[in-house]
Amino acid sequence: MRRVKKVLFAILISISFNTYATTGPIKQDSIIKCNDKFYGSHGSPIHWHEVIKKDNKWVSISQEVEIPSCYIRKVNEKEKVKLYKCSDGDTARFIINSEEKKVRFLAIDTPEVDKNEPFSKEAKDFTCTALQNAKEIYLEYDSNSDKEDKYGRLLAFVHVDGVLLQKSIIQQGLGKVAYIYGDYDYLEELRNEEKKAKEKKIGIWSQTGNEEKNLDTSEEAYADEFVLEDKEEVDEEENIIIEILRLIYEIVKKIIALITK
């Protein structure tokens, strides 16, 4: 009888341990690192455990823990802005806190007008029309993205009258999902819309040949984009200066004409 009790006790201990430590396999794709520890989730409803890797699998080594702080997504920062100037399909300037700022639309890329890429004009026209006709524009900074790129441009999702502009651009086949460096909000949504546009063969996806060549999304292309935008701004400033000098010349001419009468 004593032996039976010992066996039952051992079974109960084993069941108890497995209940808090290994009930159901840890989802191997749920592993995150937080404060130098690893955590994984499993079960229904989902709950978390501290885990270690054993025999190429992640296994629980703790009782259930609270959702790791690294997993909880911070609320994205949003701010209302006014359009200053539309540059192209994925870039615009906005007035933010009385200051003009250049914004690069997060998670997408559109054809470049300066490179005369296919559908570049259509992409620019679509974006500019949406922004110019908007009653309200909000920028949303994703907590899983840098707020600025290395060229000093703000990186943001753009909401036009409650509609995500990036999504609208992708739906029209005027851009593609690109430059993804984190688990951004709306990413799955954008990829789904890109898949639909590809299937419909609209916009950039209507081109023949390798569709990946329809739009260069390399780091070099990203850098070229900034250089071209900068050149465009310099050219615009030069044109303004030339126009001012021309007006001054016309005024001086009229003054001289009046004096010599």
Protein backbone atom coordinates (compact mmCIF):
# COMPACT_ATOMS: atom_id res chain seq x y z
CA MET A 1 0.00 0.00 0.00
CA ARG A 2 2.87 2.33 0.86
CA ARG A 3 4.39 1.68 -2.59
CA VAL A 4 1.05 2.50 -4.26
CA LYS A 5 0.89 5.80 -2.37
CA LYS A 6 4.42 6.68 -3.49
CA VAL A 7 3.58 5.92 -7.11
CA LEU A 8 0.37 7.99 -6.93
CA PHE A 9 2.30 10.84 -5.29
CA ALA A 10 4.93 10.77 -8.04
CA ILE A 11 2.20 10.78 -10.70
CA LEU A 12 0.48 13.76 -9.07
CA ILE A 13 3.76 15.68 -8.85
CA SER A 14 4.45 14.95 -12.52
CA ILE A 15 0.95 16.05 -13.59
CA SER A 16 1.23 19.20 -11.49
CA PHE A 17 4.61 20.11 -13.01
CA ASN A 18 3.42 19.50 -16.55
CA THR A 19 0.28 21.54 -15.91
CA TYR A 20 2.22 24.72 -15.23
CA ALA A 21 5.34 24.01 -17.26
CA THR A 22 4.57 22.06 -20.38
CA THR A 23 0.82 21.81 -20.98
CA GLY A 24 0.76 21.58 -24.76
CA PRO A 25 3.85 22.28 -26.86
CA ILE A 26 5.32 25.77 -26.87
CA LYS A 27 4.63 27.47 -30.21
CA GLN A 28 8.05 27.52 -31.81
CA ASP A 29 7.24 30.70 -33.77
CA SER A 30 6.11 32.60 -30.67
CA ILE A 31 9.56 32.94 -29.07
CA ILE A 32 10.63 36.45 -28.10
CA LYS A 33 13.64 37.76 -26.21
CA CYS A 34 12.97 40.24 -23.42
CA ASN A 35 15.53 41.52 -20.90
CA ASP A 36 17.97 38.71 -21.76
CA LYS A 37 15.34 36.00 -21.20
CA PHE A 38 13.33 34.01 -23.72
CA TYR A 39 9.56 33.56 -23.58
CA GLY A 40 7.13 31.43 -25.53
CA SER A 41 3.36 30.99 -25.61
CA HIS A 42 0.93 28.10 -25.96
CA GLY A 43 -2.51 26.91 -24.92
CA SER A 44 -5.99 28.34 -25.35
CA PRO A 45 -6.41 30.98 -24.13
CA ILE A 46 -2.78 31.82 -24.90
CA HIS A 47 -0.45 32.07 -21.91
CA TRP A 48 3.29 32.63 -21.58
CA HIS A 49 6.24 30.82 -19.99
CA GLU A 50 9.93 31.45 -19.72
CA VAL A 51 11.62 28.96 -22.06
CA ILE A 52 14.99 27.47 -22.95
CA LYS A 53 16.13 25.65 -26.05
CA LYS A 54 16.58 21.91 -25.57
CA ASP A 55 17.23 19.40 -28.36
CA ASN A 56 16.48 22.13 -30.94
CA LYS A 57 13.09 22.83 -29.37
CA TRP A 58 11.90 25.55 -27.03
CA VAL A 59 10.56 24.13 -23.75
CA SER A 60 8.98 25.79 -20.73
CA ILE A 61 10.98 26.17 -17.51
CA SER A 62 8.54 28.26 -15.47
CA GLN A 63 4.99 28.62 -14.33
CA GLU A 64 2.72 30.89 -16.34
CA VAL A 65 4.01 34.47 -16.43
CA GLU A 66 2.47 37.80 -17.38
CA ILE A 67 2.67 38.90 -21.01
CA PRO A 68 6.32 39.97 -21.49
CA SER A 69 6.65 43.75 -21.68
CA CYS A 70 8.59 43.45 -24.96
CA TYR A 71 5.57 41.77 -26.55
CA ILE A 72 3.09 44.49 -25.66
CA ARG A 73 2.95 46.87 -28.61
CA LYS A 74 3.13 50.51 -27.64
CA VAL A 75 0.32 52.73 -28.85
CA ASN A 76 1.47 54.45 -32.02
CA GLU A 77 1.90 58.19 -31.86
CA LYS A 78 -0.44 60.17 -34.14
CA GLU A 79 -0.61 63.84 -35.05
CA LYS A 80 -2.75 65.99 -37.27
CA VAL A 81 -0.87 67.80 -40.03
CA LYS A 82 -1.44 70.08 -43.02
CA LEU A 83 -0.11 69.48 -46.51
CA TYR A 84 2.64 71.83 -47.62
CA LYS A 85 3.69 70.17 -50.85
CA CYS A 86 3.23 66.81 -52.54
CA SER A 87 6.53 65.51 -53.94
CA ASP A 88 5.71 62.15 -55.55
CA GLY A 89 3.83 58.91 -54.91
CA ASP A 90 5.46 58.13 -51.56
CA THR A 91 6.83 61.45 -50.29
CA ALA A 92 5.27 64.74 -49.23
CA ARG A 93 5.96 67.77 -47.09
CA PHE A 94 3.66 68.68 -44.21
CA ILE A 95 3.33 71.52 -41.73
CA ILE A 96 3.92 69.98 -38.31
CA ASN A 97 3.87 72.27 -35.27
CA SER A 98 4.34 75.31 -37.53
CA GLU A 99 7.38 73.70 -39.16
CA GLU A 100 7.73 72.20 -42.63
CA LYS A 101 8.79 68.53 -42.55
CA LYS A 102 9.47 65.99 -45.27
CA VAL A 103 7.71 62.65 -44.77
CA ARG A 104 8.54 59.34 -46.45
CA PHE A 105 5.52 57.03 -46.44
CA LEU A 106 6.35 53.99 -44.32
CA ALA A 107 6.38 50.43 -45.73
CA ILE A 108 5.80 51.19 -49.41
CA ASP A 109 7.66 52.35 -52.51
CA THR A 110 6.27 53.95 -55.67
CA PRO A 111 7.88 54.53 -59.08
CA GLU A 112 10.23 57.51 -59.37
CA VAL A 113 9.15 60.41 -61.61
CA ASP A 114 12.73 61.64 -62.08
CA LYS A 115 13.75 58.21 -63.37
CA ASN A 116 10.71 58.11 -65.66
CA GLU A 117 9.72 54.74 -64.21
CA PRO A 118 6.44 53.20 -65.46
CA PHE A 119 3.38 54.49 -63.58
CA SER A 120 5.43 57.15 -61.76
CA LYS A 121 3.18 59.97 -63.00
CA GLU A 122 0.03 58.03 -62.11
CA ALA A 123 1.39 57.32 -58.61
CA LYS A 124 2.26 60.97 -58.04
CA ASP A 125 -1.09 62.20 -59.39
CA PHE A 126 -2.99 59.72 -57.21
CA THR A 127 -1.14 60.69 -54.03
CA CYS A 128 -1.22 64.42 -54.69
CA THR A 129 -4.94 64.40 -55.51
CA ALA A 130 -5.71 62.48 -52.31
CA LEU A 131 -3.66 64.84 -50.14
CA GLN A 132 -4.81 68.06 -51.82
CA ASN A 133 -8.49 67.12 -51.50
CA ALA A 134 -8.21 65.84 -47.94
CA LYS A 135 -10.21 67.43 -45.14
CA GLU A 136 -8.02 65.83 -42.47
CA ILE A 137 -4.55 64.30 -42.61
CA TYR A 138 -2.97 62.37 -39.76
CA LEU A 139 0.53 60.93 -39.54
CA GLU A 140 0.99 57.74 -37.54
CA TYR A 141 4.48 56.80 -36.34
CA ASP A 142 4.85 53.04 -35.91
CA SER A 143 6.35 52.05 -32.56
CA ASN A 144 8.33 49.30 -34.31
CA SER A 145 9.98 51.69 -36.75
CA ASP A 146 12.50 54.50 -36.44
CA LYS A 147 10.74 57.85 -36.52
CA GLU A 148 13.22 59.19 -39.08
CA ASP A 149 15.34 57.59 -41.79
CA LYS A 150 19.06 58.31 -42.10
CA TYR A 151 18.28 61.22 -44.43
CA GLY A 152 16.22 63.03 -41.80
CA ARG A 153 12.84 62.28 -43.36
CA LEU A 154 10.01 61.34 -41.02
CA LEU A 155 8.69 57.79 -41.53
CA ALA A 156 4.94 57.47 -41.08
CA PHE A 157 1.68 55.93 -42.09
CA VAL A 158 -0.52 58.59 -43.67
CA HIS A 159 -4.25 58.66 -42.97
CA VAL A 160 -6.38 60.74 -45.33
CA ASP A 161 -9.93 61.34 -44.08
CA GLY A 162 -9.71 58.12 -42.08
CA VAL A 163 -8.31 56.01 -44.94
CA LEU A 164 -4.74 54.65 -44.93
CA LEU A 165 -3.10 56.23 -47.98
CA GLN A 166 -0.49 53.47 -48.29
CA LYS A 167 -3.29 50.92 -48.62
CA SER A 168 -5.04 52.94 -51.33
CA ILE A 169 -1.80 53.27 -53.31
CA ILE A 170 -1.16 49.50 -53.13
CA GLN A 171 -4.77 48.74 -54.10
CA GLN A 172 -4.35 50.79 -57.28
CA GLY A 173 -1.18 48.89 -58.21
CA LEU A 174 0.80 52.13 -57.98
CA GLY A 175 3.33 50.91 -55.42
CA LYS A 176 4.61 47.88 -53.59
CA VAL A 177 5.34 46.86 -50.02
CA ALA A 178 9.00 47.65 -49.40
CA TYR A 179 11.71 48.66 -46.90
CA ILE A 180 10.36 46.56 -44.05
CA TYR A 181 12.63 46.61 -40.99
CA GLY A 182 10.18 45.66 -38.26
CA ASP A 183 6.80 44.20 -37.37
CA TYR A 184 4.82 47.24 -38.53
CA ASP A 185 1.12 47.78 -38.07
CA TYR A 186 -0.93 47.32 -41.26
CA LEU A 187 1.83 45.14 -42.78
CA GLU A 188 -0.34 42.08 -43.25
CA GLU A 189 -3.13 44.28 -44.62
CA LEU A 190 -0.78 45.89 -47.14
CA ARG A 191 0.64 42.56 -48.27
CA ASN A 192 -2.86 41.20 -48.81
CA GLU A 193 -3.74 44.19 -50.98
CA GLU A 194 -0.47 43.80 -52.91
CA LYS A 195 -1.32 40.16 -53.58
CA LYS A 196 -4.74 41.17 -54.94
CA ALA A 197 -3.19 43.84 -57.19
CA LYS A 198 -0.71 41.30 -58.55
CA GLU A 199 -3.52 38.85 -59.29
CA LYS A 200 -5.48 41.57 -61.10
CA LYS A 201 -2.31 42.61 -62.97
CA ILE A 202 -2.99 46.30 -62.47
CA GLY A 203 -0.58 49.22 -62.41
CA ILE A 204 3.05 48.21 -61.98
CA TRP A 205 2.00 44.55 -62.00
CA SER A 206 0.64 44.84 -65.55
CA GLN A 207 4.16 45.13 -66.95
CA THR A 208 5.63 42.17 -68.81
CA GLY A 209 8.78 40.37 -67.65
CA ASN A 210 10.02 39.92 -64.13
CA GLU A 211 7.62 41.90 -61.93
CA GLU A 212 10.29 42.38 -59.26
CA LYS A 213 12.22 44.52 -61.75
CA ASN A 214 9.26 46.81 -62.28
CA LEU A 215 10.26 48.79 -59.21
CA ASP A 216 13.77 48.95 -57.75
CA THR A 217 13.53 48.74 -53.95
CA SER A 218 17.22 48.30 -53.19
CA GLU A 219 19.04 50.44 -50.62
CA GLU A 220 20.83 52.16 -53.52
CA ALA A 221 17.48 53.09 -55.05
CA TYR A 222 16.33 54.47 -51.68
CA ALA A 223 19.45 56.65 -51.51
CA ASP A 224 18.99 57.80 -55.14
CA GLU A 225 15.42 58.75 -54.30
CA PHE A 226 16.65 61.13 -51.60
CA VAL A 227 19.28 62.65 -53.91
CA LEU A 228 16.72 63.23 -56.65
CA GLU A 229 14.30 64.85 -54.20
CA ASP A 230 17.09 67.09 -52.92
CA LYS A 231 18.03 68.09 -56.47
CA GLU A 232 14.40 68.85 -57.26
CA GLU A 233 14.19 71.14 -54.24
CA VAL A 234 17.42 72.94 -55.21
CA ASP A 235 16.11 73.41 -58.77
CA GLU A 236 12.84 74.76 -57.39
CA GLU A 237 14.68 77.23 -55.13
CA GLU A 238 16.82 78.36 -58.06
CA ASN A 239 13.71 78.92 -60.17
CA ILE A 240 12.16 81.02 -57.40
CA ILE A 241 15.33 83.14 -57.13
CA ILE A 242 15.45 83.60 -60.90
CA GLU A 243 11.79 84.66 -60.92
CA ILE A 244 12.41 87.19 -58.10
CA LEU A 245 15.41 88.63 -59.97
CA ARG A 246 13.33 88.88 -63.13
CA LEU A 247 10.61 90.82 -61.28
CA ILE A 248 13.22 93.14 -59.73
CA TYR A 249 14.67 93.75 -63.19
CA GLU A 250 11.22 94.62 -64.58
CA ILE A 251 10.56 97.04 -61.69
CA VAL A 252 13.96 98.73 -62.12
CA LYS A 253 13.30 99.05 -65.86
CA LYS A 254 9.99 100.80 -65.22
CA ILE A 255 11.56 103.15 -62.64
CA ILE A 256 14.34 104.10 -65.10
CA ALA A 257 11.75 104.66 -67.83
CA LEU A 258 9.80 107.00 -65.56
CA ILE A 259 12.92 108.93 -64.53
CA THR A 260 14.17 109.44 -68.08
CA LYS A 261 10.83 110.73 -69.44
